[in-house]
Every structure is written in structure tokens, then in C-alpha cells.
Amino acid sequence: GDFSELPELHALSAGLKAFTTWAASTGIEVCRMSCGGHGYSCSSALP
């Protein structure tokens, strides 16, 4: 019955969801490009 921290959880989960997914999505692509041409192949698993 204690809802006092719900607004903070909502704000923190929203912000960190955005922050981490933006950064990770960009980072995955950097990893792929750092593998050169072979990173473009599905064999790399990076795509």
C-alpha cells in the first residue's frame, strides 16, 4: 500500500531505458564496423 516511490521508479526506468538503449544501439553498430567487411556478414552475429 506504499506508492510513494512509484513516481521516482517511473521516471528512473523511463530515463535509463532511453539512455542505455540509445548508447547500446550505437555501440553495437560501432562494434560491427570495427570488424570491417566480415562484420557485415551474418556469420559475425552482429547484424
All heavy atoms as atom14 arrays in JSON, in Angstrom:
{
  "sequence": "GDFSELPELHALSAGLKAFTTWAASTGIEVCRMSCGGHGYSCSSALP",
  "atom14_mask": [
    [1, 1, 1, 1, 0, 0, 0, 0, 0, 0, 0, 0, 0, 0],
    [1, 1, 1, 1, 1, 1, 1, 1, 0, 0, 0, 0, 0, 0],
    [1, 1, 1, 1, 1, 1, 1, 1, 1, 1, 1, 0, 0, 0],
    [1, 1, 1, 1, 1, 1, 0, 0, 0, 0, 0, 0, 0, 0],
    [1, 1, 1, 1, 1, 1, 1, 1, 1, 0, 0, 0, 0, 0],
    [1, 1, 1, 1, 1, 1, 1, 1, 0, 0, 0, 0, 0, 0],
    [1, 1, 1, 1, 1, 1, 1, 0, 0, 0, 0, 0, 0, 0],
    [1, 1, 1, 1, 1, 1, 1, 1, 1, 0, 0, 0, 0, 0],
    [1, 1, 1, 1, 1, 1, 1, 1, 0, 0, 0, 0, 0, 0],
    [1, 1, 1, 1, 1, 1, 1, 1, 1, 1, 0, 0, 0, 0],
    [1, 1, 1, 1, 1, 0, 0, 0, 0, 0, 0, 0, 0, 0],
    [1, 1, 1, 1, 1, 1, 1, 1, 0, 0, 0, 0, 0, 0],
    [1, 1, 1, 1, 1, 1, 0, 0, 0, 0, 0, 0, 0, 0],
    [1, 1, 1, 1, 1, 0, 0, 0, 0, 0, 0, 0, 0, 0],
    [1, 1, 1, 1, 0, 0, 0, 0, 0, 0, 0, 0, 0, 0],
    [1, 1, 1, 1, 1, 1, 1, 1, 0, 0, 0, 0, 0, 0],
    [1, 1, 1, 1, 1, 1, 1, 1, 1, 0, 0, 0, 0, 0],
    [1, 1, 1, 1, 1, 0, 0, 0, 0, 0, 0, 0, 0, 0],
    [1, 1, 1, 1, 1, 1, 1, 1, 1, 1, 1, 0, 0, 0],
    [1, 1, 1, 1, 1, 1, 1, 0, 0, 0, 0, 0, 0, 0],
    [1, 1, 1, 1, 1, 1, 1, 0, 0, 0, 0, 0, 0, 0],
    [1, 1, 1, 1, 1, 1, 1, 1, 1, 1, 1, 1, 1, 1],
    [1, 1, 1, 1, 1, 0, 0, 0, 0, 0, 0, 0, 0, 0],
    [1, 1, 1, 1, 1, 0, 0, 0, 0, 0, 0, 0, 0, 0],
    [1, 1, 1, 1, 1, 1, 0, 0, 0, 0, 0, 0, 0, 0],
    [1, 1, 1, 1, 1, 1, 1, 0, 0, 0, 0, 0, 0, 0],
    [1, 1, 1, 1, 0, 0, 0, 0, 0, 0, 0, 0, 0, 0],
    [1, 1, 1, 1, 1, 1, 1, 1, 0, 0, 0, 0, 0, 0],
    [1, 1, 1, 1, 1, 1, 1, 1, 1, 0, 0, 0, 0, 0],
    [1, 1, 1, 1, 1, 1, 1, 0, 0, 0, 0, 0, 0, 0],
    [1, 1, 1, 1, 1, 1, 0, 0, 0, 0, 0, 0, 0, 0],
    [1, 1, 1, 1, 1, 1, 1, 1, 1, 1, 1, 0, 0, 0],
    [1, 1, 1, 1, 1, 1, 1, 1, 0, 0, 0, 0, 0, 0],
    [1, 1, 1, 1, 1, 1, 0, 0, 0, 0, 0, 0, 0, 0],
    [1, 1, 1, 1, 1, 1, 0, 0, 0, 0, 0, 0, 0, 0],
    [1, 1, 1, 1, 0, 0, 0, 0, 0, 0, 0, 0, 0, 0],
    [1, 1, 1, 1, 0, 0, 0, 0, 0, 0, 0, 0, 0, 0],
    [1, 1, 1, 1, 1, 1, 1, 1, 1, 1, 0, 0, 0, 0],
    [1, 1, 1, 1, 0, 0, 0, 0, 0, 0, 0, 0, 0, 0],
    [1, 1, 1, 1, 1, 1, 1, 1, 1, 1, 1, 1, 0, 0],
    [1, 1, 1, 1, 1, 1, 0, 0, 0, 0, 0, 0, 0, 0],
    [1, 1, 1, 1, 1, 1, 0, 0, 0, 0, 0, 0, 0, 0],
    [1, 1, 1, 1, 1, 1, 0, 0, 0, 0, 0, 0, 0, 0],
    [1, 1, 1, 1, 1, 1, 0, 0, 0, 0, 0, 0, 0, 0],
    [1, 1, 1, 1, 1, 0, 0, 0, 0, 0, 0, 0, 0, 0],
    [1, 1, 1, 1, 1, 1, 1, 1, 0, 0, 0, 0, 0, 0],
    [1, 1, 1, 1, 1, 1, 1, 0, 0, 0, 0, 0, 0, 0]
  ],
  "atom14_positions": [
    [[0.79, -1.23, 0.0], [0.0, 0.0, 0.0], [0.82, 1.28, 0.0], [0.26, 2.37, 0.11], [0.0, 0.0, 0.0], [0.0, 0.0, 0.0], [0.0, 0.0, 0.0], [0.0, 0.0, 0.0], [0.0, 0.0, 0.0], [0.0, 0.0, 0.0], [0.0, 0.0, 0.0], [0.0, 0.0, 0.0], [0.0, 0.0, 0.0], [0.0, 0.0, 0.0]],
    [[2.14, 1.16, -0.14], [3.01, 2.34, -0.17], [3.35, 2.68, -1.62], [4.11, 1.96, -2.26], [4.29, 2.06, 0.63], [5.25, 3.24, 0.65], [4.91, 4.3, 0.08], [6.34, 3.1, 1.23], [0.0, 0.0, 0.0], [0.0, 0.0, 0.0], [0.0, 0.0, 0.0], [0.0, 0.0, 0.0], [0.0, 0.0, 0.0], [0.0, 0.0, 0.0]],
    [[2.79, 3.78, -2.13], [3.0, 4.18, -3.52], [3.95, 5.37, -3.65], [4.06, 5.97, -4.71], [1.66, 4.53, -4.17], [0.64, 3.42, -4.07], [-0.35, 3.45, -3.08], [0.68, 2.35, -4.93], [-1.28, 2.43, -2.97], [-0.25, 1.32, -4.83], [-1.22, 1.36, -3.86], [0.0, 0.0, 0.0], [0.0, 0.0, 0.0], [0.0, 0.0, 0.0]],
    [[4.63, 5.72, -2.56], [5.41, 6.97, -2.53], [6.56, 6.99, -3.52], [6.91, 8.05, -4.05], [5.94, 7.21, -1.11], [6.77, 6.13, -0.69], [0.0, 0.0, 0.0], [0.0, 0.0, 0.0], [0.0, 0.0, 0.0], [0.0, 0.0, 0.0], [0.0, 0.0, 0.0], [0.0, 0.0, 0.0], [0.0, 0.0, 0.0], [0.0, 0.0, 0.0]],
    [[7.17, 5.83, -3.78], [8.34, 5.8, -4.67], [7.99, 5.47, -6.11], [8.88, 5.39, -6.96], [9.37, 4.79, -4.14], [10.04, 5.21, -2.85], [11.22, 4.33, -2.51], [12.29, 4.53, -3.12], [11.07, 3.44, -1.66], [0.0, 0.0, 0.0], [0.0, 0.0, 0.0], [0.0, 0.0, 0.0], [0.0, 0.0, 0.0], [0.0, 0.0, 0.0]],
    [[6.7, 5.28, -6.4], [6.3, 4.93, -7.77], [6.67, 6.01, -8.79], [7.19, 5.68, -9.87], [4.81, 4.62, -7.81], [4.26, 4.12, -9.16], [5.0, 2.87, -9.62], [2.76, 3.83, -9.05], [0.0, 0.0, 0.0], [0.0, 0.0, 0.0], [0.0, 0.0, 0.0], [0.0, 0.0, 0.0], [0.0, 0.0, 0.0], [0.0, 0.0, 0.0]],
    [[6.45, 7.3, -8.5], [6.85, 8.32, -9.48], [8.35, 8.31, -9.8], [8.75, 8.45, -10.95], [6.44, 9.64, -8.81], [5.34, 9.25, -7.87], [5.72, 7.89, -7.36], [0.0, 0.0, 0.0], [0.0, 0.0, 0.0], [0.0, 0.0, 0.0], [0.0, 0.0, 0.0], [0.0, 0.0, 0.0], [0.0, 0.0, 0.0], [0.0, 0.0, 0.0]],
    [[9.17, 8.09, -8.76], [10.62, 8.05, -8.99], [11.0, 6.83, -9.82], [11.84, 6.91, -10.72], [11.37, 8.03, -7.66], [12.89, 8.03, -7.83], [13.65, 8.08, -6.52], [13.01, 8.14, -5.46], [14.9, 8.05, -6.57], [0.0, 0.0, 0.0], [0.0, 0.0, 0.0], [0.0, 0.0, 0.0], [0.0, 0.0, 0.0], [0.0, 0.0, 0.0]],
    [[10.39, 5.67, -9.52], [10.67, 4.46, -10.3], [10.25, 4.66, -11.75], [10.98, 4.27, -12.68], [9.92, 3.26, -9.71], [10.02, 1.95, -10.49], [11.47, 1.47, -10.57], [9.13, 0.88, -9.87], [0.0, 0.0, 0.0], [0.0, 0.0, 0.0], [0.0, 0.0, 0.0], [0.0, 0.0, 0.0], [0.0, 0.0, 0.0], [0.0, 0.0, 0.0]],
    [[9.11, 5.28, -11.96], [8.63, 5.53, -13.32], [9.62, 6.42, -14.07], [9.98, 6.14, -15.22], [7.25, 6.19, -13.26], [6.64, 6.44, -14.6], [6.82, 7.63, -15.29], [5.87, 5.67, -15.41], [6.18, 7.56, -16.45], [5.6, 6.4, -16.54], [0.0, 0.0, 0.0], [0.0, 0.0, 0.0], [0.0, 0.0, 0.0], [0.0, 0.0, 0.0]],
    [[10.07, 7.5, -13.42], [11.0, 8.44, -14.06], [12.36, 7.79, -14.31], [12.95, 7.97, -15.38], [11.17, 9.68, -13.19], [0.0, 0.0, 0.0], [0.0, 0.0, 0.0], [0.0, 0.0, 0.0], [0.0, 0.0, 0.0], [0.0, 0.0, 0.0], [0.0, 0.0, 0.0], [0.0, 0.0, 0.0], [0.0, 0.0, 0.0], [0.0, 0.0, 0.0]],
    [[12.85, 7.04, -13.33], [14.17, 6.42, -13.47], [14.16, 5.34, -14.54], [15.08, 5.26, -15.37], [14.6, 5.82, -12.12], [16.03, 5.26, -12.05], [17.06, 6.36, -12.27], [16.26, 4.57, -10.7], [0.0, 0.0, 0.0], [0.0, 0.0, 0.0], [0.0, 0.0, 0.0], [0.0, 0.0, 0.0], [0.0, 0.0, 0.0], [0.0, 0.0, 0.0]],
    [[13.13, 4.49, -14.56], [13.06, 3.43, -15.55], [12.9, 3.99, -16.95], [13.48, 3.47, -17.91], [11.91, 2.47, -15.23], [10.66, 3.11, -15.33], [0.0, 0.0, 0.0], [0.0, 0.0, 0.0], [0.0, 0.0, 0.0], [0.0, 0.0, 0.0], [0.0, 0.0, 0.0], [0.0, 0.0, 0.0], [0.0, 0.0, 0.0], [0.0, 0.0, 0.0]],
    [[12.13, 5.08, -17.08], [11.96, 5.7, -18.4], [13.27, 6.28, -18.9], [13.68, 6.05, -20.04], [10.89, 6.8, -18.32], [0.0, 0.0, 0.0], [0.0, 0.0, 0.0], [0.0, 0.0, 0.0], [0.0, 0.0, 0.0], [0.0, 0.0, 0.0], [0.0, 0.0, 0.0], [0.0, 0.0, 0.0], [0.0, 0.0, 0.0], [0.0, 0.0, 0.0]],
    [[13.96, 7.04, -18.06], [15.2, 7.68, -18.48], [16.31, 6.7, -18.76], [17.0, 6.79, -19.78], [0.0, 0.0, 0.0], [0.0, 0.0, 0.0], [0.0, 0.0, 0.0], [0.0, 0.0, 0.0], [0.0, 0.0, 0.0], [0.0, 0.0, 0.0], [0.0, 0.0, 0.0], [0.0, 0.0, 0.0], [0.0, 0.0, 0.0], [0.0, 0.0, 0.0]],
    [[16.5, 5.73, -17.87], [17.58, 4.76, -18.07], [17.29, 3.83, -19.24], [18.22, 3.39, -19.92], [17.81, 3.95, -16.79], [18.5, 4.71, -15.66], [18.6, 3.84, -14.41], [19.9, 5.19, -16.07], [0.0, 0.0, 0.0], [0.0, 0.0, 0.0], [0.0, 0.0, 0.0], [0.0, 0.0, 0.0], [0.0, 0.0, 0.0], [0.0, 0.0, 0.0]],
    [[16.01, 3.52, -19.47], [15.66, 2.74, -20.65], [16.12, 3.46, -21.9], [16.74, 2.88, -22.8], [14.15, 2.48, -20.67], [13.67, 1.68, -21.88], [13.22, 2.57, -23.03], [12.71, 1.76, -24.21], [12.39, 2.57, -25.39], [0.0, 0.0, 0.0], [0.0, 0.0, 0.0], [0.0, 0.0, 0.0], [0.0, 0.0, 0.0], [0.0, 0.0, 0.0]],
    [[15.81, 4.76, -21.99], [16.2, 5.55, -23.16], [17.71, 5.69, -23.26], [18.32, 5.48, -24.31], [15.53, 6.92, -23.11], [0.0, 0.0, 0.0], [0.0, 0.0, 0.0], [0.0, 0.0, 0.0], [0.0, 0.0, 0.0], [0.0, 0.0, 0.0], [0.0, 0.0, 0.0], [0.0, 0.0, 0.0], [0.0, 0.0, 0.0], [0.0, 0.0, 0.0]],
    [[18.33, 6.04, -22.15], [19.77, 6.29, -22.13], [20.57, 5.06, -22.53], [21.48, 5.13, -23.37], [20.18, 6.75, -20.73], [21.64, 7.08, -20.59], [22.14, 8.3, -21.02], [22.52, 6.18, -20.01], [23.49, 8.61, -20.89], [23.86, 6.47, -19.86], [24.35, 7.69, -20.31], [0.0, 0.0, 0.0], [0.0, 0.0, 0.0], [0.0, 0.0, 0.0]],
    [[20.24, 3.91, -21.95], [21.03, 2.71, -22.22], [20.77, 2.16, -23.61], [21.69, 1.66, -24.26], [20.75, 1.62, -21.17], [19.35, 1.29, -21.16], [21.17, 2.09, -19.78], [0.0, 0.0, 0.0], [0.0, 0.0, 0.0], [0.0, 0.0, 0.0], [0.0, 0.0, 0.0], [0.0, 0.0, 0.0], [0.0, 0.0, 0.0], [0.0, 0.0, 0.0]],
    [[19.52, 2.23, -24.08], [19.24, 1.66, -25.42], [19.82, 2.52, -26.52], [20.32, 1.99, -27.52], [17.73, 1.47, -25.64], [17.04, 2.71, -25.45], [17.18, 0.44, -24.68], [0.0, 0.0, 0.0], [0.0, 0.0, 0.0], [0.0, 0.0, 0.0], [0.0, 0.0, 0.0], [0.0, 0.0, 0.0], [0.0, 0.0, 0.0], [0.0, 0.0, 0.0]],
    [[19.77, 3.83, -26.37], [20.42, 4.7, -27.37], [21.92, 4.38, -27.45], [22.48, 4.2, -28.52], [20.22, 6.16, -27.0], [19.1, 6.84, -27.7], [18.54, 6.49, -28.91], [18.37, 7.99, -27.24], [17.53, 7.36, -29.22], [17.4, 8.29, -28.24], [18.46, 8.81, -26.12], [16.52, 9.37, -28.12], [17.58, 9.88, -26.0], [16.62, 10.15, -26.99]],
    [[22.55, 4.33, -26.27], [24.0, 4.12, -26.23], [24.37, 2.73, -26.73], [25.33, 2.57, -27.49], [24.51, 4.34, -24.8], [0.0, 0.0, 0.0], [0.0, 0.0, 0.0], [0.0, 0.0, 0.0], [0.0, 0.0, 0.0], [0.0, 0.0, 0.0], [0.0, 0.0, 0.0], [0.0, 0.0, 0.0], [0.0, 0.0, 0.0], [0.0, 0.0, 0.0]],
    [[23.63, 1.72, -26.3], [23.96, 0.35, -26.71], [23.71, 0.14, -28.19], [24.51, -0.53, -28.88], [23.14, -0.66, -25.89], [0.0, 0.0, 0.0], [0.0, 0.0, 0.0], [0.0, 0.0, 0.0], [0.0, 0.0, 0.0], [0.0, 0.0, 0.0], [0.0, 0.0, 0.0], [0.0, 0.0, 0.0], [0.0, 0.0, 0.0], [0.0, 0.0, 0.0]],
    [[22.62, 0.69, -28.72], [22.33, 0.54, -30.15], [23.45, 1.14, -31.0], [23.92, 0.52, -31.96], [20.99, 1.21, -30.48], [20.68, 1.07, -31.84], [0.0, 0.0, 0.0], [0.0, 0.0, 0.0], [0.0, 0.0, 0.0], [0.0, 0.0, 0.0], [0.0, 0.0, 0.0], [0.0, 0.0, 0.0], [0.0, 0.0, 0.0], [0.0, 0.0, 0.0]],
    [[23.9, 2.32, -30.61], [25.02, 2.94, -31.31], [26.29, 2.11, -31.15], [27.05, 1.9, -32.11], [25.26, 4.36, -30.77], [24.07, 5.15, -30.96], [26.43, 5.03, -31.47], [0.0, 0.0, 0.0], [0.0, 0.0, 0.0], [0.0, 0.0, 0.0], [0.0, 0.0, 0.0], [0.0, 0.0, 0.0], [0.0, 0.0, 0.0], [0.0, 0.0, 0.0]],
    [[26.5, 1.59, -29.94], [27.7, 0.82, -29.67], [27.77, -0.48, -30.43], [28.84, -0.89, -30.89], [0.0, 0.0, 0.0], [0.0, 0.0, 0.0], [0.0, 0.0, 0.0], [0.0, 0.0, 0.0], [0.0, 0.0, 0.0], [0.0, 0.0, 0.0], [0.0, 0.0, 0.0], [0.0, 0.0, 0.0], [0.0, 0.0, 0.0], [0.0, 0.0, 0.0]],
    [[26.63, -1.17, -30.58], [26.6, -2.42, -31.35], [27.04, -2.16, -32.79], [27.81, -2.94, -33.36], [25.18, -3.03, -31.32], [24.83, -3.48, -29.91], [25.09, -4.22, -32.29], [23.36, -3.77, -29.7], [0.0, 0.0, 0.0], [0.0, 0.0, 0.0], [0.0, 0.0, 0.0], [0.0, 0.0, 0.0], [0.0, 0.0, 0.0], [0.0, 0.0, 0.0]],
    [[26.56, -1.08, -33.36], [26.93, -0.75, -34.74], [28.41, -0.4, -34.85], [29.07, -0.75, -35.83], [26.05, 0.39, -35.26], [26.37, 0.86, -36.67], [26.12, -0.17, -37.75], [25.76, -1.33, -37.42], [26.31, 0.15, -38.93], [0.0, 0.0, 0.0], [0.0, 0.0, 0.0], [0.0, 0.0, 0.0], [0.0, 0.0, 0.0], [0.0, 0.0, 0.0]],
    [[28.95, 0.27, -33.83], [30.39, 0.56, -33.82], [31.18, -0.74, -33.78], [32.19, -0.9, -34.48], [30.75, 1.47, -32.63], [32.27, 1.59, -32.48], [30.15, 2.86, -32.81], [0.0, 0.0, 0.0], [0.0, 0.0, 0.0], [0.0, 0.0, 0.0], [0.0, 0.0, 0.0], [0.0, 0.0, 0.0], [0.0, 0.0, 0.0], [0.0, 0.0, 0.0]],
    [[30.73, -1.68, -32.96], [31.38, -3.0, -32.91], [31.35, -3.69, -34.26], [32.35, -4.27, -34.7], [30.72, -3.88, -31.86], [31.06, -3.41, -30.14], [0.0, 0.0, 0.0], [0.0, 0.0, 0.0], [0.0, 0.0, 0.0], [0.0, 0.0, 0.0], [0.0, 0.0, 0.0], [0.0, 0.0, 0.0], [0.0, 0.0, 0.0], [0.0, 0.0, 0.0]],
    [[30.21, -3.62, -34.93], [30.1, -4.25, -36.24], [31.08, -3.62, -37.23], [31.81, -4.32, -37.93], [28.67, -4.13, -36.79], [28.46, -4.88, -38.1], [27.16, -4.52, -38.77], [27.15, -3.14, -39.25], [27.75, -2.71, -40.36], [28.45, -3.55, -41.1], [27.68, -1.45, -40.72], [0.0, 0.0, 0.0], [0.0, 0.0, 0.0], [0.0, 0.0, 0.0]],
    [[31.11, -2.29, -37.28], [32.0, -1.62, -38.22], [33.47, -1.83, -37.85], [34.33, -1.83, -38.74], [31.66, -0.13, -38.27], [30.32, 0.16, -38.94], [30.04, 1.91, -39.28], [29.85, 2.55, -37.61], [0.0, 0.0, 0.0], [0.0, 0.0, 0.0], [0.0, 0.0, 0.0], [0.0, 0.0, 0.0], [0.0, 0.0, 0.0], [0.0, 0.0, 0.0]],
    [[33.76, -2.03, -36.58], [35.15, -2.25, -36.17], [35.66, -3.61, -36.64], [36.87, -3.87, -36.59], [35.29, -2.14, -34.65], [34.74, -3.27, -34.01], [0.0, 0.0, 0.0], [0.0, 0.0, 0.0], [0.0, 0.0, 0.0], [0.0, 0.0, 0.0], [0.0, 0.0, 0.0], [0.0, 0.0, 0.0], [0.0, 0.0, 0.0], [0.0, 0.0, 0.0]],
    [[34.75, -4.48, -37.08], [35.13, -5.79, -37.61], [35.31, -5.76, -39.13], [35.49, -6.81, -39.75], [34.1, -6.84, -37.24], [34.03, -7.2, -35.47], [0.0, 0.0, 0.0], [0.0, 0.0, 0.0], [0.0, 0.0, 0.0], [0.0, 0.0, 0.0], [0.0, 0.0, 0.0], [0.0, 0.0, 0.0], [0.0, 0.0, 0.0], [0.0, 0.0, 0.0]],
    [[35.26, -4.58, -39.72], [35.47, -4.45, -41.15], [34.41, -5.18, -41.96], [33.26, -5.3, -41.54], [0.0, 0.0, 0.0], [0.0, 0.0, 0.0], [0.0, 0.0, 0.0], [0.0, 0.0, 0.0], [0.0, 0.0, 0.0], [0.0, 0.0, 0.0], [0.0, 0.0, 0.0], [0.0, 0.0, 0.0], [0.0, 0.0, 0.0], [0.0, 0.0, 0.0]],
    [[34.8, -5.68, -43.12], [33.85, -6.32, -44.01], [33.19, -7.55, -43.42], [32.0, -7.78, -43.62], [0.0, 0.0, 0.0], [0.0, 0.0, 0.0], [0.0, 0.0, 0.0], [0.0, 0.0, 0.0], [0.0, 0.0, 0.0], [0.0, 0.0, 0.0], [0.0, 0.0, 0.0], [0.0, 0.0, 0.0], [0.0, 0.0, 0.0], [0.0, 0.0, 0.0]],
    [[33.93, -8.33, -42.64], [33.36, -9.55, -42.07], [32.25, -9.25, -41.06], [31.39, -10.1, -40.81], [34.45, -10.41, -41.42], [35.41, -11.0, -42.39], [35.03, -11.45, -43.63], [36.76, -11.21, -42.31], [36.1, -11.91, -44.28], [37.16, -11.77, -43.5], [0.0, 0.0, 0.0], [0.0, 0.0, 0.0], [0.0, 0.0, 0.0], [0.0, 0.0, 0.0]],
    [[32.27, -8.06, -40.49], [31.2, -7.68, -39.57], [29.86, -7.54, -40.25], [28.81, -7.63, -39.61], [0.0, 0.0, 0.0], [0.0, 0.0, 0.0], [0.0, 0.0, 0.0], [0.0, 0.0, 0.0], [0.0, 0.0, 0.0], [0.0, 0.0, 0.0], [0.0, 0.0, 0.0], [0.0, 0.0, 0.0], [0.0, 0.0, 0.0], [0.0, 0.0, 0.0]],
    [[29.89, -7.33, -41.56], [28.66, -7.19, -42.35], [28.0, -8.54, -42.59], [26.79, -8.62, -42.85], [28.99, -6.51, -43.68], [27.8, -6.12, -44.51], [26.93, -5.13, -44.09], [27.54, -6.75, -45.73], [25.84, -4.75, -44.87], [26.46, -6.4, -46.51], [25.61, -5.39, -46.07], [24.52, -5.04, -46.84], [0.0, 0.0, 0.0], [0.0, 0.0, 0.0]],
    [[28.77, -9.61, -42.5], [28.25, -10.97, -42.72], [27.41, -11.41, -41.52], [27.77, -11.14, -40.36], [29.39, -11.95, -42.93], [28.93, -13.29, -42.89], [0.0, 0.0, 0.0], [0.0, 0.0, 0.0], [0.0, 0.0, 0.0], [0.0, 0.0, 0.0], [0.0, 0.0, 0.0], [0.0, 0.0, 0.0], [0.0, 0.0, 0.0], [0.0, 0.0, 0.0]],
    [[26.33, -12.12, -41.79], [25.51, -12.67, -40.7], [26.31, -13.67, -39.88], [25.94, -13.98, -38.74], [24.26, -13.33, -41.26], [23.03, -12.14, -41.86], [0.0, 0.0, 0.0], [0.0, 0.0, 0.0], [0.0, 0.0, 0.0], [0.0, 0.0, 0.0], [0.0, 0.0, 0.0], [0.0, 0.0, 0.0], [0.0, 0.0, 0.0], [0.0, 0.0, 0.0]],
    [[27.4, -14.19, -40.43], [28.22, -15.13, -39.67], [28.83, -14.47, -38.43], [29.16, -15.17, -37.47], [29.36, -15.66, -40.55], [30.26, -14.62, -40.9], [0.0, 0.0, 0.0], [0.0, 0.0, 0.0], [0.0, 0.0, 0.0], [0.0, 0.0, 0.0], [0.0, 0.0, 0.0], [0.0, 0.0, 0.0], [0.0, 0.0, 0.0], [0.0, 0.0, 0.0]],
    [[28.94, -13.16, -38.43], [29.51, -12.46, -37.28], [28.53, -12.39, -36.11], [28.93, -12.14, -34.98], [29.93, -11.04, -37.68], [28.79, -10.21, -37.87], [0.0, 0.0, 0.0], [0.0, 0.0, 0.0], [0.0, 0.0, 0.0], [0.0, 0.0, 0.0], [0.0, 0.0, 0.0], [0.0, 0.0, 0.0], [0.0, 0.0, 0.0], [0.0, 0.0, 0.0]],
    [[27.24, -12.54, -36.4], [26.13, -12.4, -35.44], [25.82, -10.95, -35.11], [24.78, -10.67, -34.51], [26.38, -13.19, -34.15], [0.0, 0.0, 0.0], [0.0, 0.0, 0.0], [0.0, 0.0, 0.0], [0.0, 0.0, 0.0], [0.0, 0.0, 0.0], [0.0, 0.0, 0.0], [0.0, 0.0, 0.0], [0.0, 0.0, 0.0], [0.0, 0.0, 0.0]],
    [[26.68, -10.04, -35.5], [26.47, -8.62, -35.16], [25.26, -8.02, -35.87], [24.51, -7.25, -35.24], [27.73, -7.82, -35.44], [28.88, -8.12, -34.47], [30.19, -7.56, -35.0], [28.59, -7.56, -33.08], [0.0, 0.0, 0.0], [0.0, 0.0, 0.0], [0.0, 0.0, 0.0], [0.0, 0.0, 0.0], [0.0, 0.0, 0.0], [0.0, 0.0, 0.0]],
    [[25.0, -8.34, -37.15], [23.77, -7.82, -37.75], [22.52, -8.27, -37.01], [21.59, -7.49, -36.81], [23.82, -8.38, -39.18], [25.27, -8.55, -39.47], [25.85, -9.01, -38.16], [0.0, 0.0, 0.0], [0.0, 0.0, 0.0], [0.0, 0.0, 0.0], [0.0, 0.0, 0.0], [0.0, 0.0, 0.0], [0.0, 0.0, 0.0], [0.0, 0.0, 0.0]]
  ]
}
